[in-house]
Amino acid sequence: MWNRCGDLNSEVNRLKLLEPEIPEGTCPMIDEIFTFIDNLTGIDELVKEKHLQTLEKIRKANATLRILSLDWYENSRIIENKGEDIIKDCEKEREESEDIIKDLERKIEGLEEEINNKE
């Protein structure tokens, strides 16, 4: 029963190790491709424009994904902090329970001595 605190802490640490790093911004890469396509010669202007529009859609989607990932990262840290609070509370409860158990064990010993002395 008391292992739940340690198990939760171990799981949080395991998940931290599995977190991927946040990649660098993709806008410079998109800009590079954008410039490359924009400078192409001998390509139909409508085709070129379609590719450039697609790159802009990718840029916007990447920006949205970056914002969402940062939100999720921040939310995970909030959850982690709450988990740490739960672990602390659980450990405190365990310590208090152990103290109660020791007190009860002493009372039982006292009662056993009392019974033995009456015999």
C-alpha atoms as a PDB file:
ATOM      1  CA  MET A   1       0.000   0.000   0.000  1.00  0.00           C
ATOM      2  CA  TRP A   2       2.765   2.445   0.899  1.00  0.00           C
ATOM      3  CA  ASN A   3       4.645   1.763  -2.326  1.00  0.00           C
ATOM      4  CA  ARG A   4       2.232   3.945  -4.291  1.00  0.00           C
ATOM      5  CA  CYS A   5       4.183   7.088  -3.325  1.00  0.00           C
ATOM      6  CA  GLY A   6       7.464   5.638  -4.525  1.00  0.00           C
ATOM      7  CA  ASP A   7       5.815   4.170  -7.616  1.00  0.00           C
ATOM      8  CA  LEU A   8       4.362   7.559  -8.578  1.00  0.00           C
ATOM      9  CA  ASN A   9       7.706   9.265  -8.065  1.00  0.00           C
ATOM     10  CA  SER A  10       9.488   6.606 -10.149  1.00  0.00           C
ATOM     11  CA  GLU A  11       6.944   6.969 -12.937  1.00  0.00           C
ATOM     12  CA  VAL A  12       7.347  10.755 -13.041  1.00  0.00           C
ATOM     13  CA  ASN A  13      11.129  10.369 -13.263  1.00  0.00           C
ATOM     14  CA  ARG A  14      10.808   7.713 -15.978  1.00  0.00           C
ATOM     15  CA  LEU A  15       8.534   9.945 -18.043  1.00  0.00           C
ATOM     16  CA  LYS A  16      10.949  12.870 -17.678  1.00  0.00           C
ATOM     17  CA  LEU A  17      13.696  10.748 -19.212  1.00  0.00           C
ATOM     18  CA  LEU A  18      11.453   9.906 -22.173  1.00  0.00           C
ATOM     19  CA  GLU A  19      10.559  13.528 -22.938  1.00  0.00           C
ATOM     20  CA  PRO A  20      11.731  14.528 -26.393  1.00  0.00           C
ATOM     21  CA  GLU A  21      13.583  17.784 -26.736  1.00  0.00           C
ATOM     22  CA  ILE A  22      11.689  20.669 -28.277  1.00  0.00           C
ATOM     23  CA  PRO A  23      13.035  21.057 -31.818  1.00  0.00           C
ATOM     24  CA  GLU A  24      14.396  24.295 -33.140  1.00  0.00           C
ATOM     25  CA  GLY A  25      12.041  26.583 -35.007  1.00  0.00           C
ATOM     26  CA  THR A  26      11.175  25.444 -38.510  1.00  0.00           C
ATOM     27  CA  CYS A  27      10.621  28.919 -39.941  1.00  0.00           C
ATOM     28  CA  PRO A  28      14.251  29.332 -41.112  1.00  0.00           C
ATOM     29  CA  MET A  29      14.026  26.012 -42.966  1.00  0.00           C
ATOM     30  CA  ILE A  30      10.709  26.994 -44.514  1.00  0.00           C
ATOM     31  CA  ASP A  31      12.182  30.362 -45.486  1.00  0.00           C
ATOM     32  CA  GLU A  32      15.073  28.587 -47.199  1.00  0.00           C
ATOM     33  CA  ILE A  33      12.732  26.398 -49.249  1.00  0.00           C
ATOM     34  CA  PHE A  34      10.461  29.366 -49.903  1.00  0.00           C
ATOM     35  CA  THR A  35      13.415  31.339 -51.333  1.00  0.00           C
ATOM     36  CA  PHE A  36      14.542  28.351 -53.365  1.00  0.00           C
ATOM     37  CA  ILE A  37      11.088  27.902 -54.945  1.00  0.00           C
ATOM     38  CA  ASP A  38      10.615  31.623 -55.421  1.00  0.00           C
ATOM     39  CA  ASN A  39      13.915  31.823 -57.330  1.00  0.00           C
ATOM     40  CA  LEU A  40      13.160  28.873 -59.613  1.00  0.00           C
ATOM     41  CA  THR A  41      13.004  29.754 -63.240  1.00  0.00           C
ATOM     42  CA  GLY A  42      11.247  27.824 -65.955  1.00  0.00           C
ATOM     43  CA  ILE A  43       8.409  26.787 -63.659  1.00  0.00           C
ATOM     44  CA  ASP A  44       4.798  27.806 -64.127  1.00  0.00           C
ATOM     45  CA  GLU A  45       3.957  30.767 -61.877  1.00  0.00           C
ATOM     46  CA  LEU A  46       0.689  29.143 -60.710  1.00  0.00           C
ATOM     47  CA  VAL A  47       2.565  25.990 -59.682  1.00  0.00           C
ATOM     48  CA  LYS A  48       5.176  28.113 -57.921  1.00  0.00           C
ATOM     49  CA  GLU A  49       2.474  30.090 -56.093  1.00  0.00           C
ATOM     50  CA  LYS A  50       0.697  26.889 -55.045  1.00  0.00           C
ATOM     51  CA  HIS A  51       3.921  25.550 -53.501  1.00  0.00           C
ATOM     52  CA  LEU A  52       4.575  28.839 -51.727  1.00  0.00           C
ATOM     53  CA  GLN A  53       1.029  28.834 -50.326  1.00  0.00           C
ATOM     54  CA  THR A  54       1.553  25.279 -49.106  1.00  0.00           C
ATOM     55  CA  LEU A  55       4.737  26.361 -47.327  1.00  0.00           C
ATOM     56  CA  GLU A  56       2.832  29.144 -45.594  1.00  0.00           C
ATOM     57  CA  LYS A  57       0.214  26.629 -44.423  1.00  0.00           C
ATOM     58  CA  ILE A  58       3.018  24.439 -43.071  1.00  0.00           C
ATOM     59  CA  ARG A  59       4.527  27.463 -41.289  1.00  0.00           C
ATOM     60  CA  LYS A  60       1.195  28.258 -39.605  1.00  0.00           C
ATOM     61  CA  ALA A  61       0.609  24.617 -38.663  1.00  0.00           C
ATOM     62  CA  ASN A  62       4.095  24.366 -37.162  1.00  0.00           C
ATOM     63  CA  ALA A  63       3.543  27.536 -35.170  1.00  0.00           C
ATOM     64  CA  THR A  64       0.282  26.130 -33.829  1.00  0.00           C
ATOM     65  CA  LEU A  65       1.949  22.829 -32.944  1.00  0.00           C
ATOM     66  CA  ARG A  66       4.753  24.660 -31.154  1.00  0.00           C
ATOM     67  CA  ILE A  67       2.248  26.655 -29.081  1.00  0.00           C
ATOM     68  CA  LEU A  68       0.271  23.496 -28.262  1.00  0.00           C
ATOM     69  CA  SER A  69       3.394  21.587 -27.277  1.00  0.00           C
ATOM     70  CA  LEU A  70       4.482  24.386 -24.960  1.00  0.00           C
ATOM     71  CA  ASP A  71       1.004  24.443 -23.402  1.00  0.00           C
ATOM     72  CA  TRP A  72       1.143  20.686 -22.857  1.00  0.00           C
ATOM     73  CA  TYR A  73       4.656  21.008 -21.435  1.00  0.00           C
ATOM     74  CA  GLU A  74       3.500  23.657 -18.962  1.00  0.00           C
ATOM     75  CA  ASN A  75       0.443  21.556 -18.054  1.00  0.00           C
ATOM     76  CA  SER A  76       2.637  18.523 -17.462  1.00  0.00           C
ATOM     77  CA  ARG A  77       4.775  20.575 -15.072  1.00  0.00           C
ATOM     78  CA  ILE A  78       1.645  21.652 -13.185  1.00  0.00           C
ATOM     79  CA  ILE A  79       0.583  18.007 -12.914  1.00  0.00           C
ATOM     80  CA  GLU A  80       4.094  17.031 -11.854  1.00  0.00           C
ATOM     81  CA  ASN A  81       4.047  19.622  -9.073  1.00  0.00           C
ATOM     82  CA  LYS A  82       0.655  18.368  -7.905  1.00  0.00           C
ATOM     83  CA  GLY A  83       2.040  14.833  -7.981  1.00  0.00           C
ATOM     84  CA  GLU A  84       4.976  15.909  -5.830  1.00  0.00           C
ATOM     85  CA  ASP A  85       2.528  17.443  -3.363  1.00  0.00           C
ATOM     86  CA  ILE A  86       0.572  14.183  -3.294  1.00  0.00           C
ATOM     87  CA  ILE A  87       3.786  12.237  -2.688  1.00  0.00           C
ATOM     88  CA  LYS A  88       4.709  14.551   0.216  1.00  0.00           C
ATOM     89  CA  ASP A  89       1.218  14.176   1.695  1.00  0.00           C
ATOM     90  CA  CYS A  90       1.381  10.416   1.267  1.00  0.00           C
ATOM     91  CA  GLU A  91       4.789  10.212   2.938  1.00  0.00           C
ATOM     92  CA  LYS A  92       3.553  12.387   5.826  1.00  0.00           C
ATOM     93  CA  GLU A  93       0.490  10.163   6.199  1.00  0.00           C
ATOM     94  CA  ARG A  94       2.718   7.075   6.198  1.00  0.00           C
ATOM     95  CA  GLU A  95       4.928   8.549   8.917  1.00  0.00           C
ATOM     96  CA  GLU A  96       1.883   9.466  11.011  1.00  0.00           C
ATOM     97  CA  SER A  97       0.475   5.966  10.538  1.00  0.00           C
ATOM     98  CA  GLU A  98       3.768   4.408  11.585  1.00  0.00           C
ATOM     99  CA  ASP A  99       3.723   6.536  14.750  1.00  0.00           C
ATOM    100  CA  ILE A 100       0.148   5.408  15.482  1.00  0.00           C
ATOM    101  CA  ILE A 101       1.164   1.779  14.910  1.00  0.00           C
ATOM    102  CA  LYS A 102       4.108   2.144  17.320  1.00  0.00           C
ATOM    103  CA  ASP A 103       1.817   3.697  19.945  1.00  0.00           C
ATOM    104  CA  LEU A 104      -0.684   0.852  19.517  1.00  0.00           C
ATOM    105  CA  GLU A 105       2.092  -1.734  19.738  1.00  0.00           C
ATOM    106  CA  ARG A 106       3.255  -0.154  23.027  1.00  0.00           C
ATOM    107  CA  LYS A 107      -0.319  -0.220  24.345  1.00  0.00           C
ATOM    108  CA  ILE A 108      -0.670  -3.864  23.344  1.00  0.00           C
ATOM    109  CA  GLU A 109       2.596  -4.683  25.115  1.00  0.00           C
ATOM    110  CA  GLY A 110       1.331  -2.868  28.192  1.00  0.00           C
ATOM    111  CA  LEU A 111      -1.953  -4.758  28.096  1.00  0.00           C
ATOM    112  CA  GLU A 112      -0.136  -8.064  27.637  1.00  0.00           C
ATOM    113  CA  GLU A 113       2.043  -7.280  30.666  1.00  0.00           C
ATOM    114  CA  GLU A 114      -1.052  -6.355  32.634  1.00  0.00           C
ATOM    115  CA  ILE A 115      -2.712  -9.663  31.678  1.00  0.00           C
ATOM    116  CA  ASN A 116       0.420 -11.629  32.495  1.00  0.00           C
ATOM    117  CA  ASN A 117       0.753  -9.923  35.884  1.00  0.00           C
ATOM    118  CA  LYS A 118      -2.867 -10.810  36.782  1.00  0.00           C
ATOM    119  CA  GLU A 119      -2.304 -14.475  36.101  1.00  0.00           C
END
